[in-house]
PDB file of N, CA and C in Angstrom:
ATOM      1  N   UNK A   1      22.211  -9.629  11.784  1.00  0.00           N
ATOM      2  CA  UNK A   1      21.763  -8.397  11.149  1.00  0.00           C
ATOM      3  C   UNK A   1      21.013  -7.570  12.181  1.00  0.00           C
ATOM      4  N   UNK A   2      21.293  -6.293  12.199  1.00  0.00           N
ATOM      5  CA  UNK A   2      20.589  -5.455  13.159  1.00  0.00           C
ATOM      6  C   UNK A   2      19.336  -4.849  12.508  1.00  0.00           C
ATOM      7  N   UNK A   3      18.506  -4.281  13.355  1.00  0.00           N
ATOM      8  CA  UNK A   3      17.221  -3.786  12.850  1.00  0.00           C
ATOM      9  C   UNK A   3      17.389  -2.624  11.870  1.00  0.00           C
ATOM     10  N   UNK A   4      18.444  -1.832  12.006  1.00  0.00           N
ATOM     11  CA  UNK A   4      18.673  -0.740  11.058  1.00  0.00           C
ATOM     12  C   UNK A   4      18.860  -1.276   9.640  1.00  0.00           C
ATOM     13  N   UNK A   5      19.522  -2.421   9.521  1.00  0.00           N
ATOM     14  CA  UNK A   5      19.701  -3.037   8.205  1.00  0.00           C
ATOM     15  C   UNK A   5      18.368  -3.536   7.657  1.00  0.00           C
ATOM     16  N   UNK A   6      17.555  -4.097   8.523  1.00  0.00           N
ATOM     17  CA  UNK A   6      16.233  -4.561   8.100  1.00  0.00           C
ATOM     18  C   UNK A   6      15.401  -3.373   7.645  1.00  0.00           C
ATOM     19  N   UNK A   7      15.439  -2.314   8.422  1.00  0.00           N
ATOM     20  CA  UNK A   7      14.667  -1.127   8.064  1.00  0.00           C
ATOM     21  C   UNK A   7      15.117  -0.573   6.713  1.00  0.00           C
ATOM     22  N   UNK A   8      16.413  -0.579   6.479  1.00  0.00           N
ATOM     23  CA  UNK A   8      16.944  -0.081   5.227  1.00  0.00           C
ATOM     24  C   UNK A   8      16.573  -0.934   4.023  1.00  0.00           C
ATOM     25  N   UNK A   9      16.277  -2.205   4.265  1.00  0.00           N
ATOM     26  CA  UNK A   9      15.901  -3.134   3.193  1.00  0.00           C
ATOM     27  C   UNK A   9      14.482  -3.650   3.392  1.00  0.00           C
ATOM     28  N   UNK A  10      13.620  -2.815   3.935  1.00  0.00           N
ATOM     29  CA  UNK A  10      12.292  -3.256   4.325  1.00  0.00           C
ATOM     30  C   UNK A  10      11.487  -3.850   3.176  1.00  0.00           C
ATOM     31  N   UNK A  11      11.636  -3.329   1.976  1.00  0.00           N
ATOM     32  CA  UNK A  11      10.870  -3.887   0.861  1.00  0.00           C
ATOM     33  C   UNK A  11      11.161  -5.368   0.691  1.00  0.00           C
ATOM     34  N   UNK A  12      12.393  -5.767   0.865  1.00  0.00           N
ATOM     35  CA  UNK A  12      12.747  -7.178   0.757  1.00  0.00           C
ATOM     36  C   UNK A  12      12.228  -7.967   1.950  1.00  0.00           C
ATOM     37  N   UNK A  13      12.378  -7.426   3.140  1.00  0.00           N
ATOM     38  CA  UNK A  13      11.966  -8.132   4.343  1.00  0.00           C
ATOM     39  C   UNK A  13      10.455  -8.176   4.515  1.00  0.00           C
ATOM     40  N   UNK A  14       9.754  -7.217   3.955  1.00  0.00           N
ATOM     41  CA  UNK A  14       8.302  -7.191   4.146  1.00  0.00           C
ATOM     42  C   UNK A  14       7.632  -8.410   3.518  1.00  0.00           C
ATOM     43  N   UNK A  15       8.188  -8.945   2.454  1.00  0.00           N
ATOM     44  CA  UNK A  15       7.625 -10.162   1.857  1.00  0.00           C
ATOM     45  C   UNK A  15       7.713 -11.337   2.811  1.00  0.00           C
ATOM     46  N   UNK A  16       8.855 -11.477   3.475  1.00  0.00           N
ATOM     47  CA  UNK A  16       9.024 -12.541   4.457  1.00  0.00           C
ATOM     48  C   UNK A  16       8.104 -12.312   5.661  1.00  0.00           C
ATOM     49  N   UNK A  17       7.921 -11.051   6.038  1.00  0.00           N
ATOM     50  CA  UNK A  17       7.019 -10.737   7.142  1.00  0.00           C
ATOM     51  C   UNK A  17       5.586 -11.107   6.774  1.00  0.00           C
ATOM     52  N   UNK A  18       5.204 -10.879   5.544  1.00  0.00           N
ATOM     53  CA  UNK A  18       3.845 -11.211   5.072  1.00  0.00           C
ATOM     54  C   UNK A  18       3.616 -12.715   5.132  1.00  0.00           C
ATOM     55  N   UNK A  19       4.656 -13.491   4.793  1.00  0.00           N
ATOM     56  CA  UNK A  19       4.539 -14.950   4.868  1.00  0.00           C
ATOM     57  C   UNK A  19       4.352 -15.379   6.323  1.00  0.00           C
ATOM     58  N   UNK A  20       5.121 -14.784   7.218  1.00  0.00           N
ATOM     59  CA  UNK A  20       5.059 -15.155   8.639  1.00  0.00           C
ATOM     60  C   UNK A  20       3.746 -14.711   9.285  1.00  0.00           C
ATOM     61  N   UNK A  21       3.306 -13.503   8.972  1.00  0.00           N
ATOM     62  CA  UNK A  21       2.107 -12.939   9.607  1.00  0.00           C
ATOM     63  C   UNK A  21       1.097 -12.565   8.523  1.00  0.00           C
ATOM     64  N   UNK A  22       0.350 -13.549   8.084  1.00  0.00           N
ATOM     65  CA  UNK A  22      -0.573 -13.364   6.958  1.00  0.00           C
ATOM     66  C   UNK A  22      -1.687 -12.361   7.249  1.00  0.00           C
ATOM     67  N   UNK A  23      -1.957 -12.095   8.514  1.00  0.00           N
ATOM     68  CA  UNK A  23      -3.008 -11.120   8.843  1.00  0.00           C
ATOM     69  C   UNK A  23      -2.579  -9.686   8.585  1.00  0.00           C
ATOM     70  N   UNK A  24      -1.282  -9.467   8.374  1.00  0.00           N
ATOM     71  CA  UNK A  24      -0.815  -8.122   8.039  1.00  0.00           C
ATOM     72  C   UNK A  24      -1.092  -7.873   6.565  1.00  0.00           C
ATOM     73  N   UNK A  25      -1.696  -6.760   6.288  1.00  0.00           N
ATOM     74  CA  UNK A  25      -2.015  -6.434   4.900  1.00  0.00           C
ATOM     75  C   UNK A  25      -0.804  -5.789   4.223  1.00  0.00           C
ATOM     76  N   UNK A  26      -0.862  -5.716   2.907  1.00  0.00           N
ATOM     77  CA  UNK A  26       0.195  -5.024   2.175  1.00  0.00           C
ATOM     78  C   UNK A  26       0.282  -3.566   2.622  1.00  0.00           C
ATOM     79  N   UNK A  27      -0.864  -2.960   2.867  1.00  0.00           N
ATOM     80  CA  UNK A  27      -0.878  -1.572   3.350  1.00  0.00           C
ATOM     81  C   UNK A  27      -0.221  -1.458   4.725  1.00  0.00           C
ATOM     82  N   UNK A  28      -0.496  -2.447   5.601  1.00  0.00           N
ATOM     83  CA  UNK A  28       0.158  -2.455   6.915  1.00  0.00           C
ATOM     84  C   UNK A  28       1.666  -2.465   6.751  1.00  0.00           C
ATOM     85  N   UNK A  29       2.142  -3.394   5.935  1.00  0.00           N
ATOM     86  CA  UNK A  29       3.583  -3.563   5.769  1.00  0.00           C
ATOM     87  C   UNK A  29       4.227  -2.327   5.155  1.00  0.00           C
ATOM     88  N   UNK A  30       3.537  -1.736   4.208  1.00  0.00           N
ATOM     89  CA  UNK A  30       4.073  -0.528   3.591  1.00  0.00           C
ATOM     90  C   UNK A  30       4.148   0.612   4.610  1.00  0.00           C
ATOM     91  N   UNK A  31       3.108   0.753   5.409  1.00  0.00           N
ATOM     92  CA  UNK A  31       3.057   1.833   6.398  1.00  0.00           C
ATOM     93  C   UNK A  31       4.102   1.649   7.502  1.00  0.00           C
ATOM     94  N   UNK A  32       4.472   0.418   7.802  1.00  0.00           N
ATOM     95  CA  UNK A  32       5.449   0.162   8.858  1.00  0.00           C
ATOM     96  C   UNK A  32       6.822   0.728   8.520  1.00  0.00           C
ATOM     97  N   UNK A  33       7.166   0.705   7.240  1.00  0.00           N
ATOM     98  CA  UNK A  33       8.455   1.222   6.778  1.00  0.00           C
ATOM     99  C   UNK A  33       9.622   0.657   7.575  1.00  0.00           C
ATOM    100  N   UNK A  34       9.482  -0.596   8.025  1.00  0.00           N
ATOM    101  CA  UNK A  34      10.577  -1.243   8.730  1.00  0.00           C
ATOM    102  C   UNK A  34      10.765  -0.827  10.165  1.00  0.00           C
ATOM    103  N   UNK A  35       9.814  -0.121  10.732  1.00  0.00           N
ATOM    104  CA  UNK A  35       9.941   0.322  12.125  1.00  0.00           C
ATOM    105  C   UNK A  35       9.493  -0.805  13.055  1.00  0.00           C
ATOM    106  N   UNK A  36      10.436  -1.300  13.829  1.00  0.00           N
ATOM    107  CA  UNK A  36      10.153  -2.436  14.708  1.00  0.00           C
ATOM    108  C   UNK A  36       9.028  -2.117  15.697  1.00  0.00           C
ATOM    109  N   UNK A  37       9.051  -0.947  16.299  1.00  0.00           N
ATOM    110  CA  UNK A  37       8.017  -0.602  17.275  1.00  0.00           C
ATOM    111  C   UNK A  37       6.631  -0.599  16.640  1.00  0.00           C
ATOM    112  N   UNK A  38       6.572  -0.164  15.388  1.00  0.00           N
ATOM    113  CA  UNK A  38       5.289  -0.172  14.684  1.00  0.00           C
ATOM    114  C   UNK A  38       4.855  -1.597  14.359  1.00  0.00           C
ATOM    115  N   UNK A  39       5.817  -2.457  14.028  1.00  0.00           N
ATOM    116  CA  UNK A  39       5.504  -3.868  13.768  1.00  0.00           C
ATOM    117  C   UNK A  39       4.977  -4.525  15.038  1.00  0.00           C
ATOM    118  N   UNK A  40       5.588  -4.238  16.157  1.00  0.00           N
ATOM    119  CA  UNK A  40       5.107  -4.770  17.441  1.00  0.00           C
ATOM    120  C   UNK A  40       3.647  -4.362  17.643  1.00  0.00           C
ATOM    121  N   UNK A  41       3.356  -3.096  17.453  1.00  0.00           N
ATOM    122  CA  UNK A  41       1.992  -2.603  17.632  1.00  0.00           C
ATOM    123  C   UNK A  41       1.013  -3.242  16.669  1.00  0.00           C
ATOM    124  N   UNK A  42       1.430  -3.430  15.432  1.00  0.00           N
ATOM    125  CA  UNK A  42       0.534  -4.017  14.433  1.00  0.00           C
ATOM    126  C   UNK A  42       0.279  -5.484  14.749  1.00  0.00           C
ATOM    127  N   UNK A  43       1.296  -6.201  15.249  1.00  0.00           N
ATOM    128  CA  UNK A  43       1.079  -7.599  15.646  1.00  0.00           C
ATOM    129  C   UNK A  43       0.128  -7.677  16.838  1.00  0.00           C
ATOM    130  N   UNK A  44       0.249  -6.726  17.748  1.00  0.00           N
ATOM    131  CA  UNK A  44      -0.677  -6.683  18.882  1.00  0.00           C
ATOM    132  C   UNK A  44      -2.105  -6.475  18.380  1.00  0.00           C
ATOM    133  N   UNK A  45      -2.257  -5.570  17.441  1.00  0.00           N
ATOM    134  CA  UNK A  45      -3.582  -5.238  16.912  1.00  0.00           C
ATOM    135  C   UNK A  45      -4.189  -6.404  16.140  1.00  0.00           C
ATOM    136  N   UNK A  46      -3.426  -6.994  15.237  1.00  0.00           N
ATOM    137  CA  UNK A  46      -3.963  -8.037  14.355  1.00  0.00           C
ATOM    138  C   UNK A  46      -4.086  -9.403  15.013  1.00  0.00           C
ATOM    139  N   UNK A  47      -3.160  -9.716  15.933  1.00  0.00           N
ATOM    140  CA  UNK A  47      -3.130 -11.046  16.534  1.00  0.00           C
ATOM    141  C   UNK A  47      -3.514 -11.075  18.005  1.00  0.00           C
ATOM    142  N   UNK A  48      -3.687  -9.916  18.613  1.00  0.00           N
ATOM    143  CA  UNK A  48      -4.066  -9.866  20.018  1.00  0.00           C
ATOM    144  C   UNK A  48      -2.932 -10.206  20.978  1.00  0.00           C
ATOM    145  N   UNK A  49      -1.694 -10.088  20.517  1.00  0.00           N
ATOM    146  CA  UNK A  49      -0.541 -10.363  21.372  1.00  0.00           C
ATOM    147  C   UNK A  49      -0.345  -9.246  22.387  1.00  0.00           C
ATOM    148  N   UNK A  50       0.205  -9.625  23.544  1.00  0.00           N
ATOM    149  CA  UNK A  50       0.724  -8.603  24.451  1.00  0.00           C
ATOM    150  C   UNK A  50       2.070  -8.177  23.884  1.00  0.00           C
ATOM    151  N   UNK A  51       2.581  -7.055  24.340  1.00  0.00           N
ATOM    152  CA  UNK A  51       3.808  -6.494  23.764  1.00  0.00           C
ATOM    153  C   UNK A  51       4.968  -7.494  23.803  1.00  0.00           C
ATOM    154  N   UNK A  52       5.144  -8.174  24.924  1.00  0.00           N
ATOM    155  CA  UNK A  52       6.253  -9.113  25.065  1.00  0.00           C
ATOM    156  C   UNK A  52       6.135 -10.262  24.067  1.00  0.00           C
ATOM    157  N   UNK A  53       4.927 -10.738  23.827  1.00  0.00           N
ATOM    158  CA  UNK A  53       4.719 -11.828  22.865  1.00  0.00           C
ATOM    159  C   UNK A  53       5.025 -11.351  21.451  1.00  0.00           C
ATOM    160  N   UNK A  54       4.635 -10.135  21.130  1.00  0.00           N
ATOM    161  CA  UNK A  54       4.926  -9.589  19.806  1.00  0.00           C
ATOM    162  C   UNK A  54       6.433  -9.447  19.609  1.00  0.00           C
ATOM    163  N   UNK A  55       7.128  -8.983  20.637  1.00  0.00           N
ATOM    164  CA  UNK A  55       8.592  -8.862  20.570  1.00  0.00           C
ATOM    165  C   UNK A  55       9.227 -10.232  20.338  1.00  0.00           C
ATOM    166  N   UNK A  56       8.737 -11.253  21.060  1.00  0.00           N
ATOM    167  CA  UNK A  56       9.263 -12.613  20.887  1.00  0.00           C
ATOM    168  C   UNK A  56       8.999 -13.134  19.485  1.00  0.00           C
ATOM    169  N   UNK A  57       7.812 -12.849  18.961  1.00  0.00           N
ATOM    170  CA  UNK A  57       7.481 -13.266  17.592  1.00  0.00           C
ATOM    171  C   UNK A  57       8.494 -12.706  16.598  1.00  0.00           C
ATOM    172  N   UNK A  58       8.815 -11.438  16.749  1.00  0.00           N
ATOM    173  CA  UNK A  58       9.773 -10.796  15.844  1.00  0.00           C
ATOM    174  C   UNK A  58      11.153 -11.410  16.015  1.00  0.00           C
ATOM    175  N   UNK A  59      11.570 -11.625  17.248  1.00  0.00           N
ATOM    176  CA  UNK A  59      12.878 -12.238  17.492  1.00  0.00           C
ATOM    177  C   UNK A  59      12.942 -13.643  16.906  1.00  0.00           C
ATOM    178  N   UNK A  60      11.876 -14.423  17.086  1.00  0.00           N
ATOM    179  CA  UNK A  60      11.825 -15.778  16.532  1.00  0.00           C
ATOM    180  C   UNK A  60      11.867 -15.749  15.014  1.00  0.00           C
ATOM    181  N   UNK A  61      11.166 -14.795  14.421  1.00  0.00           N
ATOM    182  CA  UNK A  61      11.155 -14.643  12.966  1.00  0.00           C
ATOM    183  C   UNK A  61      12.562 -14.372  12.452  1.00  0.00           C
ATOM    184  N   UNK A  62      13.260 -13.469  13.108  1.00  0.00           N
ATOM    185  CA  UNK A  62      14.621 -13.148  12.693  1.00  0.00           C
ATOM    186  C   UNK A  62      15.544 -14.350  12.867  1.00  0.00           C
ATOM    187  N   UNK A  63      15.387 -15.070  13.968  1.00  0.00           N
ATOM    188  CA  UNK A  63      16.251 -16.226  14.243  1.00  0.00           C
ATOM    189  C   UNK A  63      15.991 -17.365  13.266  1.00  0.00           C
ATOM    190  N   UNK A  64      14.769 -17.465  12.756  1.00  0.00           N
ATOM    191  CA  UNK A  64      14.420 -18.587  11.887  1.00  0.00           C
ATOM    192  C   UNK A  64      14.749 -18.316  10.415  1.00  0.00           C
ATOM    193  N   UNK A  65      15.220 -17.132  10.098  1.00  0.00           N
ATOM    194  CA  UNK A  65      15.552 -16.782   8.728  1.00  0.00           C
ATOM    195  C   UNK A  65      17.041 -16.493   8.619  1.00  0.00           C
ATOM    196  N   UNK A  66      17.827 -17.483   8.162  1.00  0.00           N
ATOM    197  CA  UNK A  66      19.274 -17.288   8.102  1.00  0.00           C
ATOM    198  C   UNK A  66      19.687 -16.091   7.254  1.00  0.00           C
ATOM    199  N   UNK A  67      18.918 -15.744   6.257  1.00  0.00           N
ATOM    200  CA  UNK A  67      19.249 -14.593   5.412  1.00  0.00           C
ATOM    201  C   UNK A  67      19.112 -13.272   6.157  1.00  0.00           C
ATOM    202  N   UNK A  68      18.471 -13.296   7.291  1.00  0.00           N
ATOM    203  CA  UNK A  68      18.161 -12.065   8.023  1.00  0.00           C
ATOM    204  C   UNK A  68      19.135 -11.793   9.151  1.00  0.00           C
ATOM    205  N   UNK A  69      20.227 -12.544   9.230  1.00  0.00           N
ATOM    206  CA  UNK A  69      21.195 -12.347  10.319  1.00  0.00           C
ATOM    207  C   UNK A  69      22.258 -11.373   9.910  1.00  0.00           C
TER     208      UNK A  69
END
């Protein structure tokens, strides 16, 4: 699954994102609107990741969820 599909179905994917990254608030997830670059930034802010680590986190999340391919 490509990111455009995730963005288009963000309401469904945001629940899985909340499970993976509990420090993200419901308001955070709503404001992201499925934008990957914004998710990277929010993970950096909430978890203190560098950009590359945040990108890897997102890639790992997608790889670990068969429904998200």
